[in-house]
Protein backbone atom coordinates (compact mmCIF):
# COMPACT_ATOMS: atom_id res chain seq x y z
CA MET A 1 -0.03 -0.20 0.09
CA ALA A 2 1.34 3.33 -1.02
CA GLY A 3 2.29 5.92 2.09
CA ALA A 4 1.66 3.17 4.41
CA SER A 5 4.17 3.16 7.24
CA PRO A 6 6.44 0.25 7.77
CA THR A 7 5.68 -1.57 11.19
CA SER A 8 7.41 -4.07 12.78
CA THR A 9 6.60 -7.19 14.80
CA LEU A 10 8.23 -7.87 18.17
CA ASP A 11 8.57 -11.43 19.68
CA VAL A 12 9.02 -12.01 23.24
CA GLY A 13 10.20 -14.96 25.28
CA VAL A 14 11.13 -15.18 28.77
CA ASP A 15 13.50 -17.98 30.34
CA LYS A 16 14.09 -19.21 33.53
CA LEU A 17 11.20 -18.34 35.38
CA ARG A 18 11.45 -19.98 39.01
CA SER A 19 7.72 -21.07 39.13
CA ALA A 20 4.48 -21.15 36.50
CA LYS A 21 2.94 -19.08 39.47
CA GLY A 22 1.54 -15.21 38.94
CA LEU A 23 1.89 -13.06 35.75
CA VAL A 24 4.82 -11.94 33.72
CA ARG A 25 4.25 -7.90 33.37
CA ILE A 26 6.50 -6.50 30.16
CA CYS A 27 6.79 -2.96 29.30
CA LEU A 28 8.00 -2.13 25.93
CA THR A 29 9.06 1.42 26.03
CA ARG A 30 11.16 3.97 23.61
CA ASP A 31 11.67 6.82 26.65
CA PRO A 32 14.88 6.58 28.28
CA ASP A 33 13.53 8.67 30.89
CA ASN A 34 10.66 6.20 32.14
CA PHE A 35 13.09 2.99 31.67
CA PRO A 36 12.33 0.21 33.26
CA ASP A 37 9.50 1.78 35.13
CA CYS A 38 6.98 3.02 32.58
CA VAL A 39 4.63 4.51 35.03
CA ASP A 40 4.34 8.39 33.20
CA ASP A 41 5.22 7.08 29.67
CA ALA A 42 2.19 7.32 27.66
CA GLY A 43 3.46 5.42 24.55
CA ALA A 44 4.70 2.36 26.57
CA VAL A 45 2.88 -0.83 25.48
CA THR A 46 2.32 -2.74 28.76
CA ARG A 47 1.05 -6.30 28.85
CA SER A 48 0.42 -9.48 31.37
CA ILE A 49 0.65 -13.05 30.41
CA PRO A 50 0.34 -16.30 32.42
CA ALA A 51 3.78 -16.84 33.90
CA SER A 52 2.84 -20.45 32.80
CA ALA A 53 2.68 -19.58 28.98
CA PRO A 54 5.56 -17.19 28.71
CA HIS A 55 5.46 -16.06 25.50
CA THR A 56 3.95 -12.65 23.47
CA VAL A 57 3.75 -11.01 20.34
CA PHE A 58 3.82 -7.15 20.00
CA GLU A 59 2.65 -6.01 16.68
CA GLY A 60 2.47 -2.85 14.38
CA LEU A 61 5.32 -1.22 16.22
CA ALA A 62 7.19 1.74 14.47
CA PRO A 63 10.54 1.23 13.76
CA GLY A 64 13.26 2.44 16.38
CA GLY A 65 14.76 2.02 19.73
CA TYR A 66 13.16 -0.07 22.15
CA ALA A 67 13.68 -1.70 25.60
CA ILE A 68 11.81 -4.00 27.57
CA ALA A 69 11.37 -4.35 31.27
CA ILE A 70 10.00 -7.32 32.90
CA ILE A 71 8.61 -8.40 36.22
CA HIS A 72 7.45 -12.10 37.21
CA ASP A 73 4.50 -10.88 39.75
CA GLU A 74 4.51 -14.45 41.31
CA ASN A 75 1.96 -13.45 43.49
CA ALA A 76 -0.05 -11.29 40.62
CA ASN A 77 -0.67 -8.30 43.43
CA ALA A 78 0.50 -6.10 40.56
CA LYS A 79 3.81 -4.55 41.48
CA LEU A 80 7.77 -5.76 41.89
CA ASP A 81 7.56 -6.78 45.96
CA THR A 82 10.81 -6.28 47.48
CA PHE A 83 12.52 -6.20 50.79
CA ALA A 84 15.03 -3.40 51.58
CA GLY A 85 15.25 -2.73 48.31
CA ILE A 86 16.05 -6.00 46.94
CA PRO A 87 13.29 -7.44 44.50
CA ARG A 88 11.65 -10.50 45.67
CA GLU A 89 10.42 -11.49 42.32
CA GLY A 90 12.13 -12.06 39.03
CA ILE A 91 13.45 -9.02 37.05
CA GLY A 92 14.73 -9.19 33.25
CA PHE A 93 15.09 -7.05 30.55
CA SER A 94 15.68 -6.95 26.80
CA ARG A 95 19.35 -7.85 25.72
CA ASN A 96 20.06 -9.52 28.97
CA PRO A 97 22.57 -7.08 30.32
CA LYS A 98 24.51 -7.93 33.42
CA PHE A 99 23.65 -5.38 36.42
CA THR A 100 23.88 -5.62 40.30
CA PHE A 101 22.93 -2.52 42.33
CA GLY A 102 19.64 -1.08 40.59
CA PRO A 103 18.22 -1.87 37.11
CA PRO A 104 20.23 -1.43 34.07
CA ARG A 105 20.48 1.79 31.98
CA PHE A 106 18.06 2.25 28.65
CA SER A 107 21.37 2.09 26.51
CA ALA A 108 22.49 -1.27 28.05
CA ALA A 109 18.38 -2.63 27.02
CA ARG A 110 17.99 -1.11 23.85
CA PHE A 111 17.64 -3.03 20.70
CA THR A 112 16.61 -1.40 17.29
CA LEU A 113 13.52 -2.94 15.02
CA ASP A 114 13.70 -1.72 11.59
CA GLY A 115 10.65 -2.84 10.00
CA ASP A 116 11.28 -6.80 10.20
CA ALA A 117 10.45 -9.15 12.45
CA GLU A 118 12.48 -9.33 15.84
CA ARG A 119 12.93 -11.38 18.64
CA GLN A 120 13.65 -10.86 22.07
CA GLN A 121 14.79 -13.66 24.70
CA VAL A 122 14.69 -12.08 28.36
CA ARG A 123 16.31 -14.18 30.94
CA MET A 124 14.87 -13.58 34.21
CA ARG A 125 16.83 -12.98 37.47
CA TYR A 126 15.96 -13.93 41.33
CA PHE A 127 18.01 -12.33 44.12
CA LEU A 128 15.98 -13.58 47.11
């Protein structure tokens, strides 16, 4: 179709979940200032999927740079539970960057969609 904007498809899989309990909450954003929380990000795409089936597809995305933040919300209370600031539930990010204290920067998790199908396989990490 002439004049149609190119769009991309993103296939997201989640590895190393410690259980099939609860939900996997995914935030897909283009905004470095709202990564990884996506709280004030009107352009973020969020999705909750069952932890028992940790795979989803985002369609119709504009080409460009994105980053993904994922929480394994095992008790399905719609938040990341912490103890003394340390996550009690799993967290993961696109490109699986290394991180220790605090989440990685947007630039470490950033990937580019260029109009073709893309895949991100995110590995969950647990600290407690």
